């Protein structure tokens, strides 16, 4: 999801979001993995998601539309990782 999110960046997500809109960032479950993707299209009961870094993303352009049950959560806030404190 570069440039929006960096690898290892912590995010907060809302489970079972009431509404999904174009541009929302979702955590989805696909092929046994959790992935973070952006909503490009919405249809009743399903979503079409893409990664922001299209050249390196495995997304709906490859695996097609996803049923809403594949949505783990909707990212509501990226959280920056604090540097570890050395005592």
PDB file of N, CA and C in Angstrom:
ATOM      1  N   UNK A   1       0.813  -1.205   0.000  1.00  0.00           N
ATOM      2  CA  UNK A   1       0.000   0.000   0.000  1.00  0.00           C
ATOM      3  C   UNK A   1       0.851   1.262   0.000  1.00  0.00           C
ATOM      4  N   UNK A   2       2.108   1.129  -0.405  1.00  0.00           N
ATOM      5  CA  UNK A   2       2.911   2.335  -0.576  1.00  0.00           C
ATOM      6  C   UNK A   2       2.260   3.195  -1.640  1.00  0.00           C
ATOM      7  N   UNK A   3       2.215   4.475  -1.530  1.00  0.00           N
ATOM      8  CA  UNK A   3       2.832   5.323  -0.528  1.00  0.00           C
ATOM      9  C   UNK A   3       1.947   5.610   0.681  1.00  0.00           C
ATOM     10  N   UNK A   4       0.675   5.196   0.662  1.00  0.00           N
ATOM     11  CA  UNK A   4      -0.235   5.518   1.772  1.00  0.00           C
ATOM     12  C   UNK A   4       0.195   4.874   3.081  1.00  0.00           C
ATOM     13  N   UNK A   5       0.609   3.620   3.022  1.00  0.00           N
ATOM     14  CA  UNK A   5       1.040   2.890   4.214  1.00  0.00           C
ATOM     15  C   UNK A   5       2.373   2.220   3.930  1.00  0.00           C
ATOM     16  N   UNK A   6       3.223   2.187   4.937  1.00  0.00           N
ATOM     17  CA  UNK A   6       4.534   1.543   4.804  1.00  0.00           C
ATOM     18  C   UNK A   6       4.468   0.123   5.367  1.00  0.00           C
ATOM     19  N   UNK A   7       5.342  -0.769   4.888  1.00  0.00           N
ATOM     20  CA  UNK A   7       5.381  -2.113   5.473  1.00  0.00           C
ATOM     21  C   UNK A   7       5.661  -2.026   6.974  1.00  0.00           C
ATOM     22  N   UNK A   8       4.901  -2.772   7.755  1.00  0.00           N
ATOM     23  CA  UNK A   8       5.081  -2.787   9.204  1.00  0.00           C
ATOM     24  C   UNK A   8       4.380  -1.663   9.938  1.00  0.00           C
ATOM     25  N   UNK A   9       3.763  -0.740   9.213  1.00  0.00           N
ATOM     26  CA  UNK A   9       3.063   0.365   9.866  1.00  0.00           C
ATOM     27  C   UNK A   9       1.828  -0.164  10.588  1.00  0.00           C
ATOM     28  N   UNK A  10       1.580   0.346  11.766  1.00  0.00           N
ATOM     29  CA  UNK A  10       0.439  -0.074  12.567  1.00  0.00           C
ATOM     30  C   UNK A  10      -0.785   0.743  12.169  1.00  0.00           C
ATOM     31  N   UNK A  11      -1.924   0.065  12.019  1.00  0.00           N
ATOM     32  CA  UNK A  11      -3.173   0.741  11.696  1.00  0.00           C
ATOM     33  C   UNK A  11      -4.260   0.296  12.667  1.00  0.00           C
ATOM     34  N   UNK A  12      -5.261   1.125  12.819  1.00  0.00           N
ATOM     35  CA  UNK A  12      -6.457   0.761  13.584  1.00  0.00           C
ATOM     36  C   UNK A  12      -7.574   0.505  12.588  1.00  0.00           C
ATOM     37  N   UNK A  13      -8.360  -0.521  12.846  1.00  0.00           N
ATOM     38  CA  UNK A  13      -9.452  -0.860  11.932  1.00  0.00           C
ATOM     39  C   UNK A  13     -10.729  -1.106  12.711  1.00  0.00           C
ATOM     40  N   UNK A  14     -11.830  -0.809  12.059  1.00  0.00           N
ATOM     41  CA  UNK A  14     -13.150  -1.036  12.632  1.00  0.00           C
ATOM     42  C   UNK A  14     -13.711  -2.315  12.031  1.00  0.00           C
ATOM     43  N   UNK A  15     -14.031  -3.294  12.912  1.00  0.00           N
ATOM     44  CA  UNK A  15     -14.637  -4.544  12.443  1.00  0.00           C
ATOM     45  C   UNK A  15     -16.062  -4.280  11.979  1.00  0.00           C
ATOM     46  N   UNK A  16     -16.486  -5.057  11.023  1.00  0.00           N
ATOM     47  CA  UNK A  16     -17.844  -4.981  10.492  1.00  0.00           C
ATOM     48  C   UNK A  16     -18.293  -3.539  10.234  1.00  0.00           C
ATOM     49  N   UNK A  17     -17.609  -2.839   9.323  1.00  0.00           N
ATOM     50  CA  UNK A  17     -17.997  -1.449   9.057  1.00  0.00           C
ATOM     51  C   UNK A  17     -19.410  -1.380   8.492  1.00  0.00           C
ATOM     52  N   UNK A  18     -20.150  -0.362   8.908  1.00  0.00           N
ATOM     53  CA  UNK A  18     -21.533  -0.210   8.461  1.00  0.00           C
ATOM     54  C   UNK A  18     -21.597   0.204   6.992  1.00  0.00           C
ATOM     55  N   UNK A  19     -20.593   0.954   6.566  1.00  0.00           N
ATOM     56  CA  UNK A  19     -20.623   1.482   5.203  1.00  0.00           C
ATOM     57  C   UNK A  19     -19.234   1.391   4.576  1.00  0.00           C
ATOM     58  N   UNK A  20     -19.180   0.968   3.334  1.00  0.00           N
ATOM     59  CA  UNK A  20     -17.940   0.920   2.565  1.00  0.00           C
ATOM     60  C   UNK A  20     -18.088   1.893   1.410  1.00  0.00           C
ATOM     61  N   UNK A  21     -17.095   2.768   1.248  1.00  0.00           N
ATOM     62  CA  UNK A  21     -17.135   3.775   0.184  1.00  0.00           C
ATOM     63  C   UNK A  21     -15.903   3.660  -0.697  1.00  0.00           C
ATOM     64  N   UNK A  22     -15.986   4.230  -1.892  1.00  0.00           N
ATOM     65  CA  UNK A  22     -14.834   4.271  -2.781  1.00  0.00           C
ATOM     66  C   UNK A  22     -13.684   4.976  -2.069  1.00  0.00           C
ATOM     67  N   UNK A  23     -12.491   4.432  -2.195  1.00  0.00           N
ATOM     68  CA  UNK A  23     -11.320   5.039  -1.580  1.00  0.00           C
ATOM     69  C   UNK A  23     -11.024   4.557  -0.173  1.00  0.00           C
ATOM     70  N   UNK A  24     -11.975   3.874   0.464  1.00  0.00           N
ATOM     71  CA  UNK A  24     -11.727   3.330   1.810  1.00  0.00           C
ATOM     72  C   UNK A  24     -10.594   2.310   1.735  1.00  0.00           C
ATOM     73  N   UNK A  25      -9.844   2.199   2.823  1.00  0.00           N
ATOM     74  CA  UNK A  25      -8.800   1.187   2.920  1.00  0.00           C
ATOM     75  C   UNK A  25      -9.325   0.069   3.805  1.00  0.00           C
ATOM     76  N   UNK A  26      -9.281  -1.152   3.278  1.00  0.00           N
ATOM     77  CA  UNK A  26      -9.826  -2.309   3.984  1.00  0.00           C
ATOM     78  C   UNK A  26      -8.737  -3.329   4.299  1.00  0.00           C
ATOM     79  N   UNK A  27      -8.951  -4.053   5.374  1.00  0.00           N
ATOM     80  CA  UNK A  27      -8.191  -5.267   5.625  1.00  0.00           C
ATOM     81  C   UNK A  27      -9.098  -6.387   5.135  1.00  0.00           C
ATOM     82  N   UNK A  28      -8.584  -7.169   4.203  1.00  0.00           N
ATOM     83  CA  UNK A  28      -9.378  -8.258   3.634  1.00  0.00           C
ATOM     84  C   UNK A  28      -8.666  -9.579   3.871  1.00  0.00           C
ATOM     85  N   UNK A  29      -9.426 -10.661   3.837  1.00  0.00           N
ATOM     86  CA  UNK A  29      -8.838 -11.998   3.943  1.00  0.00           C
ATOM     87  C   UNK A  29      -8.976 -12.654   2.572  1.00  0.00           C
ATOM     88  N   UNK A  30      -7.818 -13.063   2.014  1.00  0.00           N
ATOM     89  CA  UNK A  30      -7.814 -13.719   0.708  1.00  0.00           C
ATOM     90  C   UNK A  30      -6.725 -14.780   0.697  1.00  0.00           C
ATOM     91  N   UNK A  31      -7.070 -15.968   0.279  1.00  0.00           N
ATOM     92  CA  UNK A  31      -6.125 -17.100   0.224  1.00  0.00           C
ATOM     93  C   UNK A  31      -5.417 -17.325   1.558  1.00  0.00           C
ATOM     94  N   UNK A  32      -6.151 -17.177   2.654  1.00  0.00           N
ATOM     95  CA  UNK A  32      -5.595 -17.431   3.974  1.00  0.00           C
ATOM     96  C   UNK A  32      -4.709 -16.325   4.519  1.00  0.00           C
ATOM     97  N   UNK A  33      -4.586 -15.221   3.788  1.00  0.00           N
ATOM     98  CA  UNK A  33      -3.767 -14.091   4.231  1.00  0.00           C
ATOM     99  C   UNK A  33      -4.627 -12.857   4.443  1.00  0.00           C
ATOM    100  N   UNK A  34      -4.211 -12.022   5.378  1.00  0.00           N
ATOM    101  CA  UNK A  34      -4.859 -10.722   5.535  1.00  0.00           C
ATOM    102  C   UNK A  34      -4.057  -9.709   4.734  1.00  0.00           C
ATOM    103  N   UNK A  35      -4.754  -8.931   3.912  1.00  0.00           N
ATOM    104  CA  UNK A  35      -4.124  -7.954   3.035  1.00  0.00           C
ATOM    105  C   UNK A  35      -4.808  -6.608   3.222  1.00  0.00           C
ATOM    106  N   UNK A  36      -4.080  -5.544   2.972  1.00  0.00           N
ATOM    107  CA  UNK A  36      -4.651  -4.197   3.055  1.00  0.00           C
ATOM    108  C   UNK A  36      -4.741  -3.656   1.638  1.00  0.00           C
ATOM    109  N   UNK A  37      -5.958  -3.266   1.248  1.00  0.00           N
ATOM    110  CA  UNK A  37      -6.216  -2.791  -0.115  1.00  0.00           C
ATOM    111  C   UNK A  37      -7.210  -1.631  -0.081  1.00  0.00           C
ATOM    112  N   UNK A  38      -7.231  -0.861  -1.166  1.00  0.00           N
ATOM    113  CA  UNK A  38      -8.139   0.277  -1.289  1.00  0.00           C
ATOM    114  C   UNK A  38      -9.350  -0.122  -2.147  1.00  0.00           C
ATOM    115  N   UNK A  39     -10.521   0.350  -1.762  1.00  0.00           N
ATOM    116  CA  UNK A  39     -11.755   0.054  -2.497  1.00  0.00           C
ATOM    117  C   UNK A  39     -11.790   0.885  -3.778  1.00  0.00           C
ATOM    118  N   UNK A  40     -11.912   0.191  -4.900  1.00  0.00           N
ATOM    119  CA  UNK A  40     -12.012   0.889  -6.186  1.00  0.00           C
ATOM    120  C   UNK A  40     -13.453   0.887  -6.695  1.00  0.00           C
ATOM    121  N   UNK A  41     -14.185  -0.201  -6.412  1.00  0.00           N
ATOM    122  CA  UNK A  41     -15.588  -0.306  -6.833  1.00  0.00           C
ATOM    123  C   UNK A  41     -16.381  -1.023  -5.753  1.00  0.00           C
ATOM    124  N   UNK A  42     -17.638  -0.635  -5.641  1.00  0.00           N
ATOM    125  CA  UNK A  42     -18.536  -1.251  -4.663  1.00  0.00           C
ATOM    126  C   UNK A  42     -19.797  -1.694  -5.391  1.00  0.00           C
ATOM    127  N   UNK A  43     -20.226  -2.900  -5.094  1.00  0.00           N
ATOM    128  CA  UNK A  43     -21.461  -3.446  -5.639  1.00  0.00           C
ATOM    129  C   UNK A  43     -22.179  -4.095  -4.458  1.00  0.00           C
ATOM    130  N   UNK A  44     -23.492  -4.221  -4.481  1.00  0.00           N
ATOM    131  CA  UNK A  44     -24.178  -4.832  -3.342  1.00  0.00           C
ATOM    132  C   UNK A  44     -23.583  -6.197  -2.968  1.00  0.00           C
ATOM    133  N   UNK A  45     -23.064  -6.290  -1.753  1.00  0.00           N
ATOM    134  CA  UNK A  45     -22.544  -7.553  -1.243  1.00  0.00           C
ATOM    135  C   UNK A  45     -21.122  -7.890  -1.632  1.00  0.00           C
ATOM    136  N   UNK A  46     -20.457  -7.001  -2.384  1.00  0.00           N
ATOM    137  CA  UNK A  46     -19.085  -7.306  -2.785  1.00  0.00           C
ATOM    138  C   UNK A  46     -18.296  -6.032  -3.087  1.00  0.00           C
ATOM    139  N   UNK A  47     -16.968  -6.178  -3.102  1.00  0.00           N
ATOM    140  CA  UNK A  47     -16.081  -5.039  -3.356  1.00  0.00           C
ATOM    141  C   UNK A  47     -14.976  -5.441  -4.335  1.00  0.00           C
ATOM    142  N   UNK A  48     -14.463  -4.462  -5.045  1.00  0.00           N
ATOM    143  CA  UNK A  48     -13.311  -4.628  -5.938  1.00  0.00           C
ATOM    144  C   UNK A  48     -12.212  -3.786  -5.334  1.00  0.00           C
ATOM    145  N   UNK A  49     -11.101  -4.417  -4.942  1.00  0.00           N
ATOM    146  CA  UNK A  49     -10.041  -3.726  -4.216  1.00  0.00           C
ATOM    147  C   UNK A  49      -8.728  -3.762  -4.996  1.00  0.00           C
ATOM    148  N   UNK A  50      -7.945  -2.687  -4.835  1.00  0.00           N
ATOM    149  CA  UNK A  50      -6.645  -2.605  -5.496  1.00  0.00           C
ATOM    150  C   UNK A  50      -5.612  -2.081  -4.512  1.00  0.00           C
ATOM    151  N   UNK A  51      -4.362  -2.410  -4.770  1.00  0.00           N
ATOM    152  CA  UNK A  51      -3.275  -1.864  -3.975  1.00  0.00           C
ATOM    153  C   UNK A  51      -2.825  -0.538  -4.567  1.00  0.00           C
ATOM    154  N   UNK A  52      -2.301   0.346  -3.738  1.00  0.00           N
ATOM    155  CA  UNK A  52      -1.852   1.644  -4.226  1.00  0.00           C
ATOM    156  C   UNK A  52      -0.620   1.522  -5.115  1.00  0.00           C
ATOM    157  N   UNK A  53       0.197   0.502  -4.898  1.00  0.00           N
ATOM    158  CA  UNK A  53       1.395   0.290  -5.684  1.00  0.00           C
ATOM    159  C   UNK A  53       1.078  -0.788  -6.730  1.00  0.00           C
ATOM    160  N   UNK A  54       0.411  -0.376  -7.790  1.00  0.00           N
ATOM    161  CA  UNK A  54      -0.174  -1.311  -8.759  1.00  0.00           C
ATOM    162  C   UNK A  54       0.817  -2.306  -9.356  1.00  0.00           C
ATOM    163  N   UNK A  55       2.032  -1.890  -9.582  1.00  0.00           N
ATOM    164  CA  UNK A  55       3.008  -2.778 -10.223  1.00  0.00           C
ATOM    165  C   UNK A  55       3.369  -3.979  -9.351  1.00  0.00           C
ATOM    166  N   UNK A  56       3.199  -3.851  -8.030  1.00  0.00           N
ATOM    167  CA  UNK A  56       3.604  -4.923  -7.113  1.00  0.00           C
ATOM    168  C   UNK A  56       2.448  -5.484  -6.298  1.00  0.00           C
ATOM    169  N   UNK A  57       1.228  -5.160  -6.671  1.00  0.00           N
ATOM    170  CA  UNK A  57       0.075  -5.546  -5.867  1.00  0.00           C
ATOM    171  C   UNK A  57      -0.652  -6.760  -6.436  1.00  0.00           C
ATOM    172  N   UNK A  58      -1.043  -7.669  -5.541  1.00  0.00           N
ATOM    173  CA  UNK A  58      -1.947  -8.751  -5.898  1.00  0.00           C
ATOM    174  C   UNK A  58      -3.311  -8.318  -5.378  1.00  0.00           C
ATOM    175  N   UNK A  59      -4.238  -8.078  -6.275  1.00  0.00           N
ATOM    176  CA  UNK A  59      -5.514  -7.498  -5.867  1.00  0.00           C
ATOM    177  C   UNK A  59      -6.640  -7.984  -6.780  1.00  0.00           C
ATOM    178  N   UNK A  60      -7.762  -7.295  -6.758  1.00  0.00           N
ATOM    179  CA  UNK A  60      -8.937  -7.738  -7.514  1.00  0.00           C
ATOM    180  C   UNK A  60      -8.702  -7.779  -9.020  1.00  0.00           C
ATOM    181  N   UNK A  61      -7.695  -7.091  -9.510  1.00  0.00           N
ATOM    182  CA  UNK A  61      -7.383  -7.206 -10.937  1.00  0.00           C
ATOM    183  C   UNK A  61      -6.925  -8.613 -11.264  1.00  0.00           C
ATOM    184  N   UNK A  62      -6.406  -9.323 -10.246  1.00  0.00           N
ATOM    185  CA  UNK A  62      -5.983 -10.716 -10.412  1.00  0.00           C
ATOM    186  C   UNK A  62      -7.038 -11.702  -9.939  1.00  0.00           C
ATOM    187  N   UNK A  63      -7.591 -11.478  -8.718  1.00  0.00           N
ATOM    188  CA  UNK A  63      -8.496 -12.468  -8.136  1.00  0.00           C
ATOM    189  C   UNK A  63      -9.974 -12.093  -8.205  1.00  0.00           C
ATOM    190  N   UNK A  64     -10.301 -10.963  -8.777  1.00  0.00           N
ATOM    191  CA  UNK A  64     -11.698 -10.576  -8.984  1.00  0.00           C
ATOM    192  C   UNK A  64     -12.366  -9.947  -7.768  1.00  0.00           C
ATOM    193  N   UNK A  65     -13.665  -9.813  -7.869  1.00  0.00           N
ATOM    194  CA  UNK A  65     -14.471  -9.215  -6.803  1.00  0.00           C
ATOM    195  C   UNK A  65     -14.414 -10.090  -5.548  1.00  0.00           C
ATOM    196  N   UNK A  66     -14.526  -9.455  -4.396  1.00  0.00           N
ATOM    197  CA  UNK A  66     -14.569 -10.171  -3.120  1.00  0.00           C
ATOM    198  C   UNK A  66     -15.933  -9.980  -2.479  1.00  0.00           C
ATOM    199  N   UNK A  67     -16.439 -11.052  -1.912  1.00  0.00           N
ATOM    200  CA  UNK A  67     -17.684 -10.960  -1.145  1.00  0.00           C
ATOM    201  C   UNK A  67     -17.409 -10.164   0.134  1.00  0.00           C
ATOM    202  N   UNK A  68     -18.417  -9.478   0.652  1.00  0.00           N
ATOM    203  CA  UNK A  68     -18.245  -8.675   1.873  1.00  0.00           C
ATOM    204  C   UNK A  68     -17.764  -9.508   3.057  1.00  0.00           C
ATOM    205  N   UNK A  69     -18.032 -10.795   3.060  1.00  0.00           N
ATOM    206  CA  UNK A  69     -17.580 -11.623   4.183  1.00  0.00           C
ATOM    207  C   UNK A  69     -16.056 -11.719   4.239  1.00  0.00           C
ATOM    208  N   UNK A  70     -15.350 -11.348   3.164  1.00  0.00           N
ATOM    209  CA  UNK A  70     -13.881 -11.346   3.146  1.00  0.00           C
ATOM    210  C   UNK A  70     -13.305 -10.112   3.833  1.00  0.00           C
ATOM    211  N   UNK A  71     -14.171  -9.141   4.168  1.00  0.00           N
ATOM    212  CA  UNK A  71     -13.697  -7.915   4.820  1.00  0.00           C
ATOM    213  C   UNK A  71     -13.480  -8.174   6.300  1.00  0.00           C
ATOM    214  N   UNK A  72     -12.254  -7.966   6.750  1.00  0.00           N
ATOM    215  CA  UNK A  72     -11.909  -8.123   8.165  1.00  0.00           C
ATOM    216  C   UNK A  72     -12.208  -6.819   8.899  1.00  0.00           C
ATOM    217  N   UNK A  73     -11.900  -5.689   8.278  1.00  0.00           N
ATOM    218  CA  UNK A  73     -12.139  -4.400   8.907  1.00  0.00           C
ATOM    219  C   UNK A  73     -11.827  -3.262   7.955  1.00  0.00           C
ATOM    220  N   UNK A  74     -12.248  -2.078   8.357  1.00  0.00           N
ATOM    221  CA  UNK A  74     -12.009  -0.858   7.596  1.00  0.00           C
ATOM    222  C   UNK A  74     -10.986  -0.034   8.372  1.00  0.00           C
ATOM    223  N   UNK A  75      -9.873   0.294   7.721  1.00  0.00           N
ATOM    224  CA  UNK A  75      -8.828   1.072   8.391  1.00  0.00           C
ATOM    225  C   UNK A  75      -9.367   2.466   8.676  1.00  0.00           C
ATOM    226  N   UNK A  76      -9.297   2.843   9.955  1.00  0.00           N
ATOM    227  CA  UNK A  76      -9.794   4.163  10.326  1.00  0.00           C
ATOM    228  C   UNK A  76      -8.671   5.119  10.717  1.00  0.00           C
ATOM    229  N   UNK A  77      -7.480   4.593  10.975  1.00  0.00           N
ATOM    230  CA  UNK A  77      -6.380   5.477  11.325  1.00  0.00           C
ATOM    231  C   UNK A  77      -5.041   4.742  11.232  1.00  0.00           C
ATOM    232  N   UNK A  78      -4.123   5.267  10.421  1.00  0.00           N
ATOM    233  CA  UNK A  78      -2.772   4.712  10.475  1.00  0.00           C
ATOM    234  C   UNK A  78      -2.059   5.274  11.703  1.00  0.00           C
ATOM    235  N   UNK A  79      -1.331   4.456  12.396  1.00  0.00           N
ATOM    236  CA  UNK A  79      -0.622   4.872  13.609  1.00  0.00           C
ATOM    237  C   UNK A  79       0.870   4.766  13.338  1.00  0.00           C
ATOM    238  N   UNK A  80       1.588   5.842  13.581  1.00  0.00           N
ATOM    239  CA  UNK A  80       3.036   5.800  13.382  1.00  0.00           C
ATOM    240  C   UNK A  80       3.686   5.042  14.510  1.00  0.00           C
ATOM    241  N   UNK A  81       4.657   4.235  14.157  1.00  0.00           N
ATOM    242  CA  UNK A  81       5.378   3.448  15.137  1.00  0.00           C
ATOM    243  C   UNK A  81       6.346   4.350  15.892  1.00  0.00           C
ATOM    244  N   UNK A  82       6.317   4.292  17.215  1.00  0.00           N
ATOM    245  CA  UNK A  82       7.240   5.073  18.021  1.00  0.00           C
ATOM    246  C   UNK A  82       8.576   4.354  18.073  1.00  0.00           C
ATOM    247  N   UNK A  83       9.672   5.104  18.033  1.00  0.00           N
ATOM    248  CA  UNK A  83      10.968   4.435  18.189  1.00  0.00           C
ATOM    249  C   UNK A  83      11.080   3.829  19.571  1.00  0.00           C
ATOM    250  N   UNK A  84      11.719   2.684  19.661  1.00  0.00           N
ATOM    251  CA  UNK A  84      11.875   2.007  20.958  1.00  0.00           C
ATOM    252  C   UNK A  84      12.715   2.869  21.889  1.00  0.00           C
ATOM    253  N   UNK A  85      12.305   2.917  23.135  1.00  0.00           N
ATOM    254  CA  UNK A  85      13.055   3.685  24.136  1.00  0.00           C
ATOM    255  C   UNK A  85      14.116   2.785  24.741  1.00  0.00           C
ATOM    256  N   UNK A  86      15.302   3.315  24.836  1.00  0.00           N
ATOM    257  CA  UNK A  86      16.401   2.560  25.437  1.00  0.00           C
ATOM    258  C   UNK A  86      16.566   3.035  26.865  1.00  0.00           C
ATOM    259  N   UNK A  87      16.492   2.109  27.801  1.00  0.00           N
ATOM    260  CA  UNK A  87      16.592   2.470  29.221  1.00  0.00           C
ATOM    261  C   UNK A  87      18.020   2.579  29.662  1.00  0.00           C
TER     262      UNK A  87
END
